[in-house]
Amino acid sequence: MKVKDADILIIPGYTNSGPDHWQTRWQGRLSTARRVEQAEWSKPVRDDWVASVVRAIEEATRPVVLVAHSLGVPTAIHAVREAGLPVAGGFFVAPPDVANAAIRPKHLMTFGPYPRDPLPFPSLTIASRNDPFCAFDVAEDVAGAWGSLFIDAGEAGHLNAESGHGPWPEGSMTFANFLTRL
């Protein structure tokens, strides 16, 4: 699949993705990419966030490819599960542990637990070994339950601008490869 053949939905996490974040950079470079906007980025409400993703999928005119980061990952997973809408593929980066009460901010837990049934579309999940929002083995386990191809990003933090992943060329190449296989 080529970019022009897909509606690429950028699904940021808690507080949105700022101007230096790889999601924002990709949105500016990918002609068919659009951000799923949330009414309240700093006070996420699961039902509202999920409904925004469902609307974005329903509005799509081409096959949908989800590009979710952090809290955007459980949002996307719940949207697909609850709405039963067709998706061509999912590119999931730094999924948070939405079942760990010790992880802050506390409202991450309202997005859990993750559904563990295999996803009905090809997916790729990338996780870091030192992500403060999810233990590596938890991310690997949930990706395995989904049937998602799992990529070990090494010691890469939360895979955001703050961890040095603003441009993130490796991620861009991985996404391009994933897209061509859809």
C-alpha atoms as a PDB file:
ATOM      1  CA  MET A   1       0.000   0.000   0.000  1.00  0.00           C
ATOM      2  CA  LYS A   2       1.189   3.525  -0.725  1.00  0.00           C
ATOM      3  CA  VAL A   3       0.492   6.636   1.340  1.00  0.00           C
ATOM      4  CA  LYS A   4      -1.872   7.961  -1.352  1.00  0.00           C
ATOM      5  CA  ASP A   5      -3.960   4.779  -1.055  1.00  0.00           C
ATOM      6  CA  ALA A   6      -4.633   5.065   2.698  1.00  0.00           C
ATOM      7  CA  ASP A   7      -6.218   7.382   5.224  1.00  0.00           C
ATOM      8  CA  ILE A   8      -3.477   7.569   7.849  1.00  0.00           C
ATOM      9  CA  LEU A   9      -4.910   8.476  11.228  1.00  0.00           C
ATOM     10  CA  ILE A  10      -2.398   9.981  13.659  1.00  0.00           C
ATOM     11  CA  ILE A  11      -3.602   9.182  17.187  1.00  0.00           C
ATOM     12  CA  PRO A  12      -1.527  11.007  19.830  1.00  0.00           C
ATOM     13  CA  GLY A  13      -1.479  10.244  23.510  1.00  0.00           C
ATOM     14  CA  TYR A  14      -1.864  12.257  26.689  1.00  0.00           C
ATOM     15  CA  THR A  15      -1.342  16.033  26.133  1.00  0.00           C
ATOM     16  CA  ASN A  16      -1.114  15.558  22.336  1.00  0.00           C
ATOM     17  CA  SER A  17       2.071  15.413  20.277  1.00  0.00           C
ATOM     18  CA  GLY A  18       3.915  18.724  20.132  1.00  0.00           C
ATOM     19  CA  PRO A  19       5.646  20.302  17.123  1.00  0.00           C
ATOM     20  CA  ASP A  20       8.881  18.315  17.622  1.00  0.00           C
ATOM     21  CA  HIS A  21       7.187  14.931  18.105  1.00  0.00           C
ATOM     22  CA  TRP A  22       7.616  12.366  15.334  1.00  0.00           C
ATOM     23  CA  GLN A  23       3.824  12.091  14.901  1.00  0.00           C
ATOM     24  CA  THR A  24       3.533  15.795  14.113  1.00  0.00           C
ATOM     25  CA  ARG A  25       6.478  15.619  11.724  1.00  0.00           C
ATOM     26  CA  TRP A  26       4.993  12.601   9.943  1.00  0.00           C
ATOM     27  CA  GLN A  27       1.605  14.290   9.690  1.00  0.00           C
ATOM     28  CA  GLY A  28       3.270  17.192   7.881  1.00  0.00           C
ATOM     29  CA  ARG A  29       5.062  14.869   5.449  1.00  0.00           C
ATOM     30  CA  LEU A  30       2.388  12.265   4.708  1.00  0.00           C
ATOM     31  CA  SER A  31      -0.178  13.706   2.300  1.00  0.00           C
ATOM     32  CA  THR A  32      -3.116  11.594   3.503  1.00  0.00           C
ATOM     33  CA  ALA A  33      -2.365  11.795   7.229  1.00  0.00           C
ATOM     34  CA  ARG A  34      -4.664  13.587   9.626  1.00  0.00           C
ATOM     35  CA  ARG A  35      -4.610  13.905  13.375  1.00  0.00           C
ATOM     36  CA  VAL A  36      -7.491  12.597  15.445  1.00  0.00           C
ATOM     37  CA  GLU A  37      -8.278  15.623  17.615  1.00  0.00           C
ATOM     38  CA  GLN A  38      -9.470  15.279  21.180  1.00  0.00           C
ATOM     39  CA  ALA A  39     -11.588  17.864  23.002  1.00  0.00           C
ATOM     40  CA  GLU A  40      -9.491  17.568  26.153  1.00  0.00           C
ATOM     41  CA  TRP A  41      -5.874  16.504  25.722  1.00  0.00           C
ATOM     42  CA  SER A  42      -4.831  16.910  29.360  1.00  0.00           C
ATOM     43  CA  LYS A  43      -7.918  15.290  30.934  1.00  0.00           C
ATOM     44  CA  PRO A  44      -8.572  12.241  28.769  1.00  0.00           C
ATOM     45  CA  VAL A  45     -11.937  10.529  29.063  1.00  0.00           C
ATOM     46  CA  ARG A  46     -11.888   7.081  27.514  1.00  0.00           C
ATOM     47  CA  ASP A  47     -15.376   7.194  25.969  1.00  0.00           C
ATOM     48  CA  ASP A  48     -14.757  10.630  24.416  1.00  0.00           C
ATOM     49  CA  TRP A  49     -11.339   9.711  23.058  1.00  0.00           C
ATOM     50  CA  VAL A  50     -12.593   6.416  21.635  1.00  0.00           C
ATOM     51  CA  ALA A  51     -15.586   8.160  20.014  1.00  0.00           C
ATOM     52  CA  SER A  52     -13.207  10.610  18.287  1.00  0.00           C
ATOM     53  CA  VAL A  53     -11.260   7.739  16.753  1.00  0.00           C
ATOM     54  CA  VAL A  54     -14.458   5.953  15.716  1.00  0.00           C
ATOM     55  CA  ARG A  55     -15.658   9.135  13.955  1.00  0.00           C
ATOM     56  CA  ALA A  56     -12.329   9.522  12.165  1.00  0.00           C
ATOM     57  CA  ILE A  57     -12.471   5.919  10.926  1.00  0.00           C
ATOM     58  CA  GLU A  58     -16.083   6.373   9.789  1.00  0.00           C
ATOM     59  CA  GLU A  59     -15.123   9.540   7.860  1.00  0.00           C
ATOM     60  CA  ALA A  60     -12.305   7.780   6.005  1.00  0.00           C
ATOM     61  CA  THR A  61     -12.657   7.327   2.259  1.00  0.00           C
ATOM     62  CA  ARG A  62      -9.678   4.991   1.806  1.00  0.00           C
ATOM     63  CA  PRO A  63      -8.396   2.034   3.815  1.00  0.00           C
ATOM     64  CA  VAL A  64      -7.431   3.196   7.308  1.00  0.00           C
ATOM     65  CA  VAL A  65      -3.971   2.870   8.815  1.00  0.00           C
ATOM     66  CA  LEU A  66      -3.741   3.796  12.495  1.00  0.00           C
ATOM     67  CA  VAL A  67      -0.536   5.433  13.793  1.00  0.00           C
ATOM     68  CA  ALA A  68      -0.910   5.574  17.574  1.00  0.00           C
ATOM     69  CA  HIS A  69       1.510   6.652  20.284  1.00  0.00           C
ATOM     70  CA  SER A  70       1.239   6.103  24.037  1.00  0.00           C
ATOM     71  CA  LEU A  71      -2.347   6.633  25.276  1.00  0.00           C
ATOM     72  CA  GLY A  72      -3.372   6.721  21.621  1.00  0.00           C
ATOM     73  CA  VAL A  73      -2.679   2.967  21.481  1.00  0.00           C
ATOM     74  CA  PRO A  74      -5.397   1.805  23.904  1.00  0.00           C
ATOM     75  CA  THR A  75      -7.688   4.475  22.451  1.00  0.00           C
ATOM     76  CA  ALA A  76      -7.247   3.008  18.971  1.00  0.00           C
ATOM     77  CA  ILE A  77      -7.583  -0.586  20.171  1.00  0.00           C
ATOM     78  CA  HIS A  78     -10.814   0.142  22.038  1.00  0.00           C
ATOM     79  CA  ALA A  79     -12.230   2.107  19.089  1.00  0.00           C
ATOM     80  CA  VAL A  80     -11.636  -0.755  16.683  1.00  0.00           C
ATOM     81  CA  ARG A  81     -12.998  -3.326  19.137  1.00  0.00           C
ATOM     82  CA  GLU A  82     -16.078  -1.385  20.194  1.00  0.00           C
ATOM     83  CA  ALA A  83     -17.109  -0.118  16.779  1.00  0.00           C
ATOM     84  CA  GLY A  84     -16.164  -3.172  14.738  1.00  0.00           C
ATOM     85  CA  LEU A  85     -14.919  -0.915  11.949  1.00  0.00           C
ATOM     86  CA  PRO A  86     -12.555  -2.150   9.248  1.00  0.00           C
ATOM     87  CA  VAL A  87      -8.915  -1.097   9.494  1.00  0.00           C
ATOM     88  CA  ALA A  88      -6.101  -1.970   7.079  1.00  0.00           C
ATOM     89  CA  GLY A  89      -3.289  -1.800   9.621  1.00  0.00           C
ATOM     90  CA  GLY A  90      -2.062  -0.496  12.965  1.00  0.00           C
ATOM     91  CA  PHE A  91       1.338   1.008  13.823  1.00  0.00           C
ATOM     92  CA  PHE A  92       1.529   1.194  17.625  1.00  0.00           C
ATOM     93  CA  VAL A  93       4.370   2.918  19.475  1.00  0.00           C
ATOM     94  CA  ALA A  94       5.098   2.949  23.219  1.00  0.00           C
ATOM     95  CA  PRO A  95       1.843   1.446  24.505  1.00  0.00           C
ATOM     96  CA  PRO A  96       1.357   2.393  28.160  1.00  0.00           C
ATOM     97  CA  ASP A  97       0.593  -0.173  30.845  1.00  0.00           C
ATOM     98  CA  VAL A  98      -3.050   0.722  31.458  1.00  0.00           C
ATOM     99  CA  ALA A  99      -3.375  -1.898  34.201  1.00  0.00           C
ATOM    100  CA  ASN A 100      -0.506  -0.770  36.452  1.00  0.00           C
ATOM    101  CA  ALA A 101      -1.785   1.356  39.343  1.00  0.00           C
ATOM    102  CA  ALA A 102       1.753   2.580  40.099  1.00  0.00           C
ATOM    103  CA  ILE A 103       2.118   4.375  36.768  1.00  0.00           C
ATOM    104  CA  ARG A 104       1.249   8.050  36.622  1.00  0.00           C
ATOM    105  CA  PRO A 105      -0.803   9.840  35.516  1.00  0.00           C
ATOM    106  CA  LYS A 106      -3.481   7.775  37.220  1.00  0.00           C
ATOM    107  CA  HIS A 107      -6.099   8.294  34.510  1.00  0.00           C
ATOM    108  CA  LEU A 108      -4.141   5.961  32.201  1.00  0.00           C
ATOM    109  CA  MET A 109      -5.865   3.132  34.050  1.00  0.00           C
ATOM    110  CA  THR A 110      -9.300   4.284  32.875  1.00  0.00           C
ATOM    111  CA  PHE A 111      -8.219   3.142  29.388  1.00  0.00           C
ATOM    112  CA  GLY A 112      -7.549  -0.396  30.579  1.00  0.00           C
ATOM    113  CA  PRO A 113      -7.529  -3.215  30.462  1.00  0.00           C
ATOM    114  CA  TYR A 114      -6.337  -3.920  26.938  1.00  0.00           C
ATOM    115  CA  PRO A 115      -8.472  -6.314  24.948  1.00  0.00           C
ATOM    116  CA  ARG A 116      -6.316  -9.385  24.385  1.00  0.00           C
ATOM    117  CA  ASP A 117      -8.017 -10.955  21.385  1.00  0.00           C
ATOM    118  CA  PRO A 118      -5.989 -11.050  18.164  1.00  0.00           C
ATOM    119  CA  LEU A 119      -6.470  -7.938  16.056  1.00  0.00           C
ATOM    120  CA  PRO A 120      -8.370  -8.421  12.772  1.00  0.00           C
ATOM    121  CA  PHE A 121      -5.681  -6.520  10.796  1.00  0.00           C
ATOM    122  CA  PRO A 122      -1.895  -6.528  10.488  1.00  0.00           C
ATOM    123  CA  SER A 123      -0.139  -4.538  13.183  1.00  0.00           C
ATOM    124  CA  LEU A 124       3.293  -3.626  14.425  1.00  0.00           C
ATOM    125  CA  THR A 125       4.109  -2.620  18.001  1.00  0.00           C
ATOM    126  CA  ILE A 126       7.328  -0.875  19.009  1.00  0.00           C
ATOM    127  CA  ALA A 127       8.353  -0.664  22.664  1.00  0.00           C
ATOM    128  CA  SER A 128      11.369   0.510  24.611  1.00  0.00           C
ATOM    129  CA  ARG A 129      13.126  -1.393  27.379  1.00  0.00           C
ATOM    130  CA  ASN A 130      13.112   1.670  29.655  1.00  0.00           C
ATOM    131  CA  ASP A 131       9.766   3.307  28.920  1.00  0.00           C
ATOM    132  CA  PRO A 132       8.598   4.863  32.211  1.00  0.00           C
ATOM    133  CA  PHE A 133       4.959   4.173  31.277  1.00  0.00           C
ATOM    134  CA  CYS A 134       5.237   0.459  30.527  1.00  0.00           C
ATOM    135  CA  ALA A 135       7.511  -2.415  31.439  1.00  0.00           C
ATOM    136  CA  PHE A 136       8.998  -4.020  28.340  1.00  0.00           C
ATOM    137  CA  ASP A 137       7.612  -7.486  29.110  1.00  0.00           C
ATOM    138  CA  VAL A 138       4.088  -6.066  29.484  1.00  0.00           C
ATOM    139  CA  ALA A 139       4.283  -4.400  26.049  1.00  0.00           C
ATOM    140  CA  GLU A 140       5.702  -7.579  24.522  1.00  0.00           C
ATOM    141  CA  ASP A 141       2.951  -9.685  26.094  1.00  0.00           C
ATOM    142  CA  VAL A 142       0.066  -7.509  24.904  1.00  0.00           C
ATOM    143  CA  ALA A 143       1.556  -7.247  21.397  1.00  0.00           C
ATOM    144  CA  GLY A 144       1.786 -11.032  21.334  1.00  0.00           C
ATOM    145  CA  ALA A 145      -1.858 -11.376  22.361  1.00  0.00           C
ATOM    146  CA  TRP A 146      -2.848  -9.059  19.482  1.00  0.00           C
ATOM    147  CA  GLY A 147      -0.751 -11.028  16.984  1.00  0.00           C
ATOM    148  CA  SER A 148       1.256  -7.876  16.395  1.00  0.00           C
ATOM    149  CA  LEU A 149       4.793  -7.926  15.030  1.00  0.00           C
ATOM    150  CA  PHE A 150       6.872  -6.728  17.978  1.00  0.00           C
ATOM    151  CA  ILE A 151       9.974  -4.562  17.658  1.00  0.00           C
ATOM    152  CA  ASP A 152      12.413  -3.994  20.518  1.00  0.00           C
ATOM    153  CA  ALA A 153      13.520  -0.330  20.383  1.00  0.00           C
ATOM    154  CA  GLY A 154      16.229  -0.904  22.992  1.00  0.00           C
ATOM    155  CA  GLU A 155      16.821   1.701  25.702  1.00  0.00           C
ATOM    156  CA  ALA A 156      14.807   4.447  23.999  1.00  0.00           C
ATOM    157  CA  GLY A 157      12.628   5.957  26.730  1.00  0.00           C
ATOM    158  CA  HIS A 158       9.063   6.799  25.760  1.00  0.00           C
ATOM    159  CA  LEU A 159       9.872   7.194  22.047  1.00  0.00           C
ATOM    160  CA  ASN A 160       8.869  10.838  21.961  1.00  0.00           C
ATOM    161  CA  ALA A 161      10.587  14.189  21.444  1.00  0.00           C
ATOM    162  CA  GLU A 162      11.720  14.276  25.080  1.00  0.00           C
ATOM    163  CA  SER A 163      13.594  10.981  24.642  1.00  0.00           C
ATOM    164  CA  GLY A 164      15.292  12.266  21.482  1.00  0.00           C
ATOM    165  CA  HIS A 165      12.829  10.812  18.981  1.00  0.00           C
ATOM    166  CA  GLY A 166      11.613  13.980  17.291  1.00  0.00           C
ATOM    167  CA  PRO A 167      12.655  13.186  13.720  1.00  0.00           C
ATOM    168  CA  TRP A 168      12.942   9.422  14.445  1.00  0.00           C
ATOM    169  CA  PRO A 169      14.207   8.297  11.022  1.00  0.00           C
ATOM    170  CA  GLU A 170      14.296   4.621  12.105  1.00  0.00           C
ATOM    171  CA  GLY A 171      10.592   4.818  12.921  1.00  0.00           C
ATOM    172  CA  SER A 172       9.840   6.463   9.599  1.00  0.00           C
ATOM    173  CA  MET A 173      11.670   3.704   7.708  1.00  0.00           C
ATOM    174  CA  THR A 174       9.907   1.040   9.763  1.00  0.00           C
ATOM    175  CA  PHE A 175       6.527   2.626   9.018  1.00  0.00           C
ATOM    176  CA  ALA A 176       7.300   2.850   5.288  1.00  0.00           C
ATOM    177  CA  ASN A 177       8.239  -0.838   5.263  1.00  0.00           C
ATOM    178  CA  PHE A 178       5.071  -1.729   7.219  1.00  0.00           C
ATOM    179  CA  LEU A 179       2.905   0.262   4.812  1.00  0.00           C
ATOM    180  CA  THR A 180       4.358  -1.439   1.727  1.00  0.00           C
ATOM    181  CA  ARG A 181       3.448  -4.821   3.209  1.00  0.00           C
ATOM    182  CA  LEU A 182      -0.240  -3.942   3.655  1.00  0.00           C
END
